[in-house]
Amino acid sequence: MPYRHLKNVATLEYDPAKCTGCRLCVEVCPHAVFVMDGKKARLVDKDLCMECGACLRNCPFGAIAVEPGVGCAYAILMSRLKGRKITCGD
């Protein structure tokens, strides 16, 4: 199961009214934040989002908003790149 970094901090927002069921968010999300539920995507667990932005970049209908590079995943990556103590739940 993917790693939950921190609860209630992900910037991910999803508007199912704009979803057309293209499945791209399901296919590109590395943490399975989205699943198909009938003909639309469904947000499974916002806390699994690492804010990489793959879903945002691949949603052609504007159903997804997220601020890549501002969340916990960014903090973990930068900590590792700079050789510092990881400060975001790893």
PDB file of N, CA and C in Angstrom:
ATOM      1  N   MET A   1       0.846  -1.189   0.000  1.00  0.00           N
ATOM      2  CA  MET A   1       0.000   0.000   0.000  1.00  0.00           C
ATOM      3  C   MET A   1       0.883   1.241   0.000  1.00  0.00           C
ATOM      4  N   PRO A   2       0.527   2.235  -0.775  1.00  0.00           N
ATOM      5  CA  PRO A   2       1.316   3.476  -0.818  1.00  0.00           C
ATOM      6  C   PRO A   2       1.382   4.160   0.538  1.00  0.00           C
ATOM      7  N   TYR A   3       2.363   4.961   0.681  1.00  0.00           N
ATOM      8  CA  TYR A   3       2.664   5.639   1.938  1.00  0.00           C
ATOM      9  C   TYR A   3       1.854   6.915   2.109  1.00  0.00           C
ATOM     10  N   ARG A   4       1.224   7.063   3.255  1.00  0.00           N
ATOM     11  CA  ARG A   4       0.550   8.321   3.601  1.00  0.00           C
ATOM     12  C   ARG A   4       1.569   9.188   4.320  1.00  0.00           C
ATOM     13  N   HIS A   5       1.792  10.369   3.804  1.00  0.00           N
ATOM     14  CA  HIS A   5       2.798  11.246   4.388  1.00  0.00           C
ATOM     15  C   HIS A   5       2.241  11.966   5.612  1.00  0.00           C
ATOM     16  N   LEU A   6       1.289  12.802   5.435  1.00  0.00           N
ATOM     17  CA  LEU A   6       0.630  13.526   6.524  1.00  0.00           C
ATOM     18  C   LEU A   6      -0.855  13.609   6.210  1.00  0.00           C
ATOM     19  N   LYS A   7      -1.681  13.658   7.214  1.00  0.00           N
ATOM     20  CA  LYS A   7      -3.129  13.749   6.989  1.00  0.00           C
ATOM     21  C   LYS A   7      -3.559  15.187   6.723  1.00  0.00           C
ATOM     22  N   ASN A   8      -4.485  15.319   5.796  1.00  0.00           N
ATOM     23  CA  ASN A   8      -5.161  16.591   5.503  1.00  0.00           C
ATOM     24  C   ASN A   8      -4.236  17.741   5.102  1.00  0.00           C
ATOM     25  N   VAL A   9      -3.152  17.439   4.382  1.00  0.00           N
ATOM     26  CA  VAL A   9      -2.276  18.511   3.918  1.00  0.00           C
ATOM     27  C   VAL A   9      -2.161  18.573   2.391  1.00  0.00           C
ATOM     28  N   ALA A  10      -2.592  17.542   1.698  1.00  0.00           N
ATOM     29  CA  ALA A  10      -2.476  17.517   0.232  1.00  0.00           C
ATOM     30  C   ALA A  10      -3.336  18.617  -0.383  1.00  0.00           C
ATOM     31  N   THR A  11      -2.816  19.241  -1.399  1.00  0.00           N
ATOM     32  CA  THR A  11      -3.528  20.323  -2.085  1.00  0.00           C
ATOM     33  C   THR A  11      -4.466  19.797  -3.166  1.00  0.00           C
ATOM     34  N   LEU A  12      -4.534  18.498  -3.340  1.00  0.00           N
ATOM     35  CA  LEU A  12      -5.335  17.880  -4.388  1.00  0.00           C
ATOM     36  C   LEU A  12      -6.818  18.207  -4.233  1.00  0.00           C
ATOM     37  N   GLU A  13      -7.417  18.643  -5.347  1.00  0.00           N
ATOM     38  CA  GLU A  13      -8.864  18.873  -5.416  1.00  0.00           C
ATOM     39  C   GLU A  13      -9.377  18.183  -6.672  1.00  0.00           C
ATOM     40  N   TYR A  14     -10.553  17.592  -6.580  1.00  0.00           N
ATOM     41  CA  TYR A  14     -11.135  16.862  -7.699  1.00  0.00           C
ATOM     42  C   TYR A  14     -12.599  17.252  -7.854  1.00  0.00           C
ATOM     43  N   ASP A  15     -12.991  17.584  -9.076  1.00  0.00           N
ATOM     44  CA  ASP A  15     -14.372  17.955  -9.378  1.00  0.00           C
ATOM     45  C   ASP A  15     -14.972  16.875 -10.275  1.00  0.00           C
ATOM     46  N   PRO A  16     -15.716  15.930  -9.694  1.00  0.00           N
ATOM     47  CA  PRO A  16     -16.265  14.836 -10.498  1.00  0.00           C
ATOM     48  C   PRO A  16     -17.247  15.308 -11.574  1.00  0.00           C
ATOM     49  N   ALA A  17     -17.817  16.493 -11.420  1.00  0.00           N
ATOM     50  CA  ALA A  17     -18.733  17.017 -12.434  1.00  0.00           C
ATOM     51  C   ALA A  17     -18.013  17.292 -13.756  1.00  0.00           C
ATOM     52  N   LYS A  18     -16.711  17.552 -13.703  1.00  0.00           N
ATOM     53  CA  LYS A  18     -15.927  17.819 -14.914  1.00  0.00           C
ATOM     54  C   LYS A  18     -15.308  16.552 -15.507  1.00  0.00           C
ATOM     55  N   CYS A  19     -15.378  15.457 -14.783  1.00  0.00           N
ATOM     56  CA  CYS A  19     -14.769  14.199 -15.231  1.00  0.00           C
ATOM     57  C   CYS A  19     -15.586  13.592 -16.359  1.00  0.00           C
ATOM     58  N   THR A  20     -14.887  13.160 -17.416  1.00  0.00           N
ATOM     59  CA  THR A  20     -15.550  12.506 -18.547  1.00  0.00           C
ATOM     60  C   THR A  20     -15.225  11.015 -18.617  1.00  0.00           C
ATOM     61  N   GLY A  21     -14.449  10.537 -17.664  1.00  0.00           N
ATOM     62  CA  GLY A  21     -14.131   9.117 -17.622  1.00  0.00           C
ATOM     63  C   GLY A  21     -13.015   8.686 -18.541  1.00  0.00           C
ATOM     64  N   CYS A  22     -12.085   9.563 -18.849  1.00  0.00           N
ATOM     65  CA  CYS A  22     -10.990   9.224 -19.775  1.00  0.00           C
ATOM     66  C   CYS A  22      -9.968   8.259 -19.162  1.00  0.00           C
ATOM     67  N   ARG A  23      -9.950   8.129 -17.849  1.00  0.00           N
ATOM     68  CA  ARG A  23      -9.083   7.195 -17.113  1.00  0.00           C
ATOM     69  C   ARG A  23      -7.621   7.636 -16.991  1.00  0.00           C
ATOM     70  N   LEU A  24      -7.249   8.768 -17.546  1.00  0.00           N
ATOM     71  CA  LEU A  24      -5.839   9.155 -17.514  1.00  0.00           C
ATOM     72  C   LEU A  24      -5.321   9.348 -16.091  1.00  0.00           C
ATOM     73  N   CYS A  25      -6.120   9.908 -15.203  1.00  0.00           N
ATOM     74  CA  CYS A  25      -5.672  10.101 -13.825  1.00  0.00           C
ATOM     75  C   CYS A  25      -5.401   8.759 -13.158  1.00  0.00           C
ATOM     76  N   VAL A  26      -6.243   7.777 -13.432  1.00  0.00           N
ATOM     77  CA  VAL A  26      -6.075   6.438 -12.872  1.00  0.00           C
ATOM     78  C   VAL A  26      -4.780   5.814 -13.382  1.00  0.00           C
ATOM     79  N   GLU A  27      -4.502   6.016 -14.654  1.00  0.00           N
ATOM     80  CA  GLU A  27      -3.329   5.407 -15.274  1.00  0.00           C
ATOM     81  C   GLU A  27      -2.016   6.036 -14.828  1.00  0.00           C
ATOM     82  N   VAL A  28      -1.992   7.339 -14.579  1.00  0.00           N
ATOM     83  CA  VAL A  28      -0.719   8.007 -14.299  1.00  0.00           C
ATOM     84  C   VAL A  28      -0.399   8.179 -12.812  1.00  0.00           C
ATOM     85  N   CYS A  29      -1.369   8.035 -11.949  1.00  0.00           N
ATOM     86  CA  CYS A  29      -1.112   8.273 -10.523  1.00  0.00           C
ATOM     87  C   CYS A  29      -0.262   7.156  -9.920  1.00  0.00           C
ATOM     88  N   PRO A  30       0.915   7.479  -9.378  1.00  0.00           N
ATOM     89  CA  PRO A  30       1.782   6.449  -8.819  1.00  0.00           C
ATOM     90  C   PRO A  30       1.289   5.880  -7.489  1.00  0.00           C
ATOM     91  N   HIS A  31       0.328   6.526  -6.861  1.00  0.00           N
ATOM     92  CA  HIS A  31      -0.172   6.056  -5.561  1.00  0.00           C
ATOM     93  C   HIS A  31      -1.628   5.617  -5.590  1.00  0.00           C
ATOM     94  N   ALA A  32      -2.191   5.427  -6.767  1.00  0.00           N
ATOM     95  CA  ALA A  32      -3.568   4.942  -6.920  1.00  0.00           C
ATOM     96  C   ALA A  32      -4.563   5.783  -6.130  1.00  0.00           C
ATOM     97  N   VAL A  33      -4.425   7.089  -6.239  1.00  0.00           N
ATOM     98  CA  VAL A  33      -5.331   8.012  -5.562  1.00  0.00           C
ATOM     99  C   VAL A  33      -6.714   7.971  -6.218  1.00  0.00           C
ATOM    100  N   PHE A  34      -6.755   7.649  -7.507  1.00  0.00           N
ATOM    101  CA  PHE A  34      -8.007   7.586  -8.253  1.00  0.00           C
ATOM    102  C   PHE A  34      -8.291   6.158  -8.703  1.00  0.00           C
ATOM    103  N   VAL A  35      -9.567   5.797  -8.754  1.00  0.00           N
ATOM    104  CA  VAL A  35     -10.029   4.544  -9.347  1.00  0.00           C
ATOM    105  C   VAL A  35     -11.230   4.879 -10.219  1.00  0.00           C
ATOM    106  N   MET A  36     -11.525   3.996 -11.138  1.00  0.00           N
ATOM    107  CA  MET A  36     -12.735   4.182 -11.929  1.00  0.00           C
ATOM    108  C   MET A  36     -13.914   3.627 -11.148  1.00  0.00           C
ATOM    109  N   ASP A  37     -14.985   4.387 -11.149  1.00  0.00           N
ATOM    110  CA  ASP A  37     -16.220   3.991 -10.481  1.00  0.00           C
ATOM    111  C   ASP A  37     -17.331   4.210 -11.507  1.00  0.00           C
ATOM    112  N   GLY A  38     -17.634   3.171 -12.246  1.00  0.00           N
ATOM    113  CA  GLY A  38     -18.562   3.326 -13.363  1.00  0.00           C
ATOM    114  C   GLY A  38     -17.873   4.071 -14.490  1.00  0.00           C
ATOM    115  N   LYS A  39     -18.466   5.172 -14.905  1.00  0.00           N
ATOM    116  CA  LYS A  39     -17.924   5.939 -16.034  1.00  0.00           C
ATOM    117  C   LYS A  39     -17.140   7.163 -15.604  1.00  0.00           C
ATOM    118  N   LYS A  40     -16.867   7.300 -14.313  1.00  0.00           N
ATOM    119  CA  LYS A  40     -16.106   8.459 -13.811  1.00  0.00           C
ATOM    120  C   LYS A  40     -15.019   7.990 -12.850  1.00  0.00           C
ATOM    121  N   ALA A  41     -14.015   8.822 -12.720  1.00  0.00           N
ATOM    122  CA  ALA A  41     -12.984   8.549 -11.727  1.00  0.00           C
ATOM    123  C   ALA A  41     -13.530   8.914 -10.348  1.00  0.00           C
ATOM    124  N   ARG A  42     -12.992   8.241  -9.350  1.00  0.00           N
ATOM    125  CA  ARG A  42     -13.359   8.541  -7.969  1.00  0.00           C
ATOM    126  C   ARG A  42     -12.063   8.724  -7.175  1.00  0.00           C
ATOM    127  N   LEU A  43     -12.040   9.744  -6.353  1.00  0.00           N
ATOM    128  CA  LEU A  43     -10.900  10.005  -5.475  1.00  0.00           C
ATOM    129  C   LEU A  43     -10.986   9.028  -4.306  1.00  0.00           C
ATOM    130  N   VAL A  44      -9.987   8.157  -4.182  1.00  0.00           N
ATOM    131  CA  VAL A  44     -10.005   7.111  -3.166  1.00  0.00           C
ATOM    132  C   VAL A  44      -9.553   7.640  -1.820  1.00  0.00           C
ATOM    133  N   ASP A  45      -8.393   8.275  -1.796  1.00  0.00           N
ATOM    134  CA  ASP A  45      -7.816   8.723  -0.533  1.00  0.00           C
ATOM    135  C   ASP A  45      -6.878   9.901  -0.816  1.00  0.00           C
ATOM    136  N   LYS A  46      -7.343  11.086  -0.532  1.00  0.00           N
ATOM    137  CA  LYS A  46      -6.567  12.304  -0.793  1.00  0.00           C
ATOM    138  C   LYS A  46      -5.221  12.290  -0.062  1.00  0.00           C
ATOM    139  N   ASP A  47      -5.176  11.647   1.095  1.00  0.00           N
ATOM    140  CA  ASP A  47      -3.935  11.608   1.875  1.00  0.00           C
ATOM    141  C   ASP A  47      -2.841  10.755   1.235  1.00  0.00           C
ATOM    142  N   LEU A  48      -3.173   9.968   0.226  1.00  0.00           N
ATOM    143  CA  LEU A  48      -2.157   9.205  -0.498  1.00  0.00           C
ATOM    144  C   LEU A  48      -1.428  10.056  -1.531  1.00  0.00           C
ATOM    145  N   CYS A  49      -1.984  11.215  -1.850  1.00  0.00           N
ATOM    146  CA  CYS A  49      -1.413  12.075  -2.891  1.00  0.00           C
ATOM    147  C   CYS A  49      -0.035  12.589  -2.485  1.00  0.00           C
ATOM    148  N   MET A  50       0.934  12.415  -3.389  1.00  0.00           N
ATOM    149  CA  MET A  50       2.284  12.928  -3.145  1.00  0.00           C
ATOM    150  C   MET A  50       2.530  14.229  -3.896  1.00  0.00           C
ATOM    151  N   GLU A  51       1.478  14.757  -4.512  1.00  0.00           N
ATOM    152  CA  GLU A  51       1.508  16.040  -5.198  1.00  0.00           C
ATOM    153  C   GLU A  51       2.552  16.109  -6.305  1.00  0.00           C
ATOM    154  N   CYS A  52       2.659  15.024  -7.061  1.00  0.00           N
ATOM    155  CA  CYS A  52       3.608  15.010  -8.171  1.00  0.00           C
ATOM    156  C   CYS A  52       3.080  15.789  -9.378  1.00  0.00           C
ATOM    157  N   GLY A  53       1.762  15.909  -9.477  1.00  0.00           N
ATOM    158  CA  GLY A  53       1.159  16.669 -10.569  1.00  0.00           C
ATOM    159  C   GLY A  53       0.859  15.879 -11.823  1.00  0.00           C
ATOM    160  N   ALA A  54       1.122  14.565 -11.827  1.00  0.00           N
ATOM    161  CA  ALA A  54       0.869  13.768 -13.028  1.00  0.00           C
ATOM    162  C   ALA A  54      -0.604  13.789 -13.414  1.00  0.00           C
ATOM    163  N   CYS A  55      -1.482  13.698 -12.448  1.00  0.00           N
ATOM    164  CA  CYS A  55      -2.920  13.701 -12.750  1.00  0.00           C
ATOM    165  C   CYS A  55      -3.345  15.048 -13.342  1.00  0.00           C
ATOM    166  N   LEU A  56      -2.858  16.114 -12.761  1.00  0.00           N
ATOM    167  CA  LEU A  56      -3.183  17.458 -13.246  1.00  0.00           C
ATOM    168  C   LEU A  56      -2.738  17.647 -14.697  1.00  0.00           C
ATOM    169  N   ARG A  57      -1.513  17.254 -14.992  1.00  0.00           N
ATOM    170  CA  ARG A  57      -0.971  17.430 -16.338  1.00  0.00           C
ATOM    171  C   ARG A  57      -1.667  16.558 -17.373  1.00  0.00           C
ATOM    172  N   ASN A  58      -2.285  15.483 -16.932  1.00  0.00           N
ATOM    173  CA  ASN A  58      -2.917  14.560 -17.870  1.00  0.00           C
ATOM    174  C   ASN A  58      -4.431  14.671 -17.942  1.00  0.00           C
ATOM    175  N   CYS A  59      -5.051  15.479 -17.115  1.00  0.00           N
ATOM    176  CA  CYS A  59      -6.507  15.644 -17.155  1.00  0.00           C
ATOM    177  C   CYS A  59      -6.868  16.728 -18.165  1.00  0.00           C
ATOM    178  N   PRO A  60      -7.402  16.334 -19.325  1.00  0.00           N
ATOM    179  CA  PRO A  60      -7.705  17.324 -20.359  1.00  0.00           C
ATOM    180  C   PRO A  60      -8.993  18.113 -20.099  1.00  0.00           C
ATOM    181  N   PHE A  61      -9.687  17.813 -19.012  1.00  0.00           N
ATOM    182  CA  PHE A  61     -10.982  18.436 -18.775  1.00  0.00           C
ATOM    183  C   PHE A  61     -11.023  19.334 -17.541  1.00  0.00           C
ATOM    184  N   GLY A  62      -9.887  19.528 -16.892  1.00  0.00           N
ATOM    185  CA  GLY A  62      -9.810  20.430 -15.749  1.00  0.00           C
ATOM    186  C   GLY A  62     -10.527  19.942 -14.509  1.00  0.00           C
ATOM    187  N   ALA A  63     -10.654  18.629 -14.351  1.00  0.00           N
ATOM    188  CA  ALA A  63     -11.341  18.077 -13.187  1.00  0.00           C
ATOM    189  C   ALA A  63     -10.431  18.007 -11.959  1.00  0.00           C
ATOM    190  N   ILE A  64      -9.131  18.202 -12.157  1.00  0.00           N
ATOM    191  CA  ILE A  64      -8.158  18.029 -11.078  1.00  0.00           C
ATOM    192  C   ILE A  64      -7.334  19.296 -10.898  1.00  0.00           C
ATOM    193  N   ALA A  65      -7.140  19.644  -9.645  1.00  0.00           N
ATOM    194  CA  ALA A  65      -6.245  20.751  -9.285  1.00  0.00           C
ATOM    195  C   ALA A  65      -5.319  20.258  -8.181  1.00  0.00           C
ATOM    196  N   VAL A  66      -4.041  20.571  -8.314  1.00  0.00           N
ATOM    197  CA  VAL A  66      -3.056  20.230  -7.290  1.00  0.00           C
ATOM    198  C   VAL A  66      -1.857  21.153  -7.484  1.00  0.00           C
ATOM    199  N   GLU A  67      -1.205  21.497  -6.417  1.00  0.00           N
ATOM    200  CA  GLU A  67      -0.014  22.344  -6.493  1.00  0.00           C
ATOM    201  C   GLU A  67       1.225  21.468  -6.378  1.00  0.00           C
ATOM    202  N   PRO A  68       1.764  21.010  -7.516  1.00  0.00           N
ATOM    203  CA  PRO A  68       2.956  20.170  -7.462  1.00  0.00           C
ATOM    204  C   PRO A  68       4.129  20.910  -6.829  1.00  0.00           C
ATOM    205  N   GLY A  69       4.881  20.182  -6.041  1.00  0.00           N
ATOM    206  CA  GLY A  69       6.097  20.744  -5.463  1.00  0.00           C
ATOM    207  C   GLY A  69       5.902  21.545  -4.199  1.00  0.00           C
ATOM    208  N   VAL A  70       4.728  21.479  -3.581  1.00  0.00           N
ATOM    209  CA  VAL A  70       4.526  22.237  -2.347  1.00  0.00           C
ATOM    210  C   VAL A  70       4.272  21.341  -1.147  1.00  0.00           C
ATOM    211  N   GLY A  71       4.077  20.069  -1.370  1.00  0.00           N
ATOM    212  CA  GLY A  71       3.655  19.186  -0.297  1.00  0.00           C
ATOM    213  C   GLY A  71       4.759  18.340   0.291  1.00  0.00           C
ATOM    214  N   CYS A  72       4.303  17.291   0.924  1.00  0.00           N
ATOM    215  CA  CYS A  72       5.184  16.403   1.654  1.00  0.00           C
ATOM    216  C   CYS A  72       6.188  15.694   0.747  1.00  0.00           C
ATOM    217  N   ALA A  73       5.737  15.255  -0.416  1.00  0.00           N
ATOM    218  CA  ALA A  73       6.650  14.566  -1.324  1.00  0.00           C
ATOM    219  C   ALA A  73       7.822  15.465  -1.691  1.00  0.00           C
ATOM    220  N   TYR A  74       7.541  16.720  -1.941  1.00  0.00           N
ATOM    221  CA  TYR A  74       8.591  17.675  -2.267  1.00  0.00           C
ATOM    222  C   TYR A  74       9.583  17.801  -1.109  1.00  0.00           C
ATOM    223  N   ALA A  75       9.066  17.875   0.106  1.00  0.00           N
ATOM    224  CA  ALA A  75       9.942  17.988   1.276  1.00  0.00           C
ATOM    225  C   ALA A  75      10.847  16.766   1.419  1.00  0.00           C
ATOM    226  N   ILE A  76      10.295  15.599   1.175  1.00  0.00           N
ATOM    227  CA  ILE A  76      11.088  14.372   1.267  1.00  0.00           C
ATOM    228  C   ILE A  76      12.162  14.348   0.182  1.00  0.00           C
ATOM    229  N   LEU A  77      11.777  14.658  -1.050  1.00  0.00           N
ATOM    230  CA  LEU A  77      12.753  14.652  -2.143  1.00  0.00           C
ATOM    231  C   LEU A  77      13.870  15.653  -1.909  1.00  0.00           C
ATOM    232  N   MET A  78      13.523  16.856  -1.495  1.00  0.00           N
ATOM    233  CA  MET A  78      14.543  17.871  -1.264  1.00  0.00           C
ATOM    234  C   MET A  78      15.453  17.491  -0.094  1.00  0.00           C
ATOM    235  N   SER A  79      14.898  16.877   0.929  1.00  0.00           N
ATOM    236  CA  SER A  79      15.713  16.421   2.056  1.00  0.00           C
ATOM    237  C   SER A  79      16.740  15.403   1.598  1.00  0.00           C
ATOM    238  N   ARG A  80      16.293  14.476   0.764  1.00  0.00           N
ATOM    239  CA  ARG A  80      17.214  13.445   0.268  1.00  0.00           C
ATOM    240  C   ARG A  80      18.265  14.033  -0.675  1.00  0.00           C
ATOM    241  N   LEU A  81      17.839  14.936  -1.546  1.00  0.00           N
ATOM    242  CA  LEU A  81      18.782  15.542  -2.486  1.00  0.00           C
ATOM    243  C   LEU A  81      19.847  16.375  -1.777  1.00  0.00           C
ATOM    244  N   LYS A  82      19.461  17.024  -0.703  1.00  0.00           N
ATOM    245  CA  LYS A  82      20.379  17.898   0.008  1.00  0.00           C
ATOM    246  C   LYS A  82      21.079  17.202   1.179  1.00  0.00           C
ATOM    247  N   GLY A  83      20.797  15.883   1.346  1.00  0.00           N
ATOM    248  CA  GLY A  83      21.458  15.112   2.391  1.00  0.00           C
ATOM    249  C   GLY A  83      21.054  15.539   3.800  1.00  0.00           C
ATOM    250  N   ARG A  84      19.851  16.012   3.945  1.00  0.00           N
ATOM    251  CA  ARG A  84      19.367  16.457   5.252  1.00  0.00           C
ATOM    252  C   ARG A  84      18.408  15.426   5.845  1.00  0.00           C
ATOM    253  N   LYS A  85      18.105  15.607   7.119  1.00  0.00           N
ATOM    254  CA  LYS A  85      17.146  14.735   7.777  1.00  0.00           C
ATOM    255  C   LYS A  85      15.776  14.914   7.108  1.00  0.00           C
ATOM    256  N   ILE A  86      15.105  13.802   6.850  1.00  0.00           N
ATOM    257  CA  ILE A  86      13.783  13.861   6.249  1.00  0.00           C
ATOM    258  C   ILE A  86      12.793  14.329   7.302  1.00  0.00           C
ATOM    259  N   THR A  87      12.034  15.349   6.937  1.00  0.00           N
ATOM    260  CA  THR A  87      11.199  16.016   7.930  1.00  0.00           C
ATOM    261  C   THR A  87       9.708  15.812   7.726  1.00  0.00           C
ATOM    262  N   CYS A  88       9.321  14.915   6.864  1.00  0.00           N
ATOM    263  CA  CYS A  88       7.893  14.826   6.530  1.00  0.00           C
ATOM    264  C   CYS A  88       7.366  13.407   6.624  1.00  0.00           C
ATOM    265  N   GLY A  89       7.584  12.735   7.704  1.00  0.00           N
ATOM    266  CA  GLY A  89       6.959  11.463   7.966  1.00  0.00           C
ATOM    267  C   GLY A  89       7.578  10.245   7.323  1.00  0.00           C
ATOM    268  N   ASP A  90       8.769  10.296   6.783  1.00  0.00           N
ATOM    269  CA  ASP A  90       9.370   9.126   6.155  1.00  0.00           C
ATOM    270  C   ASP A  90      10.050   8.271   7.197  1.00  0.00           C
TER     271      ASP A  90
END
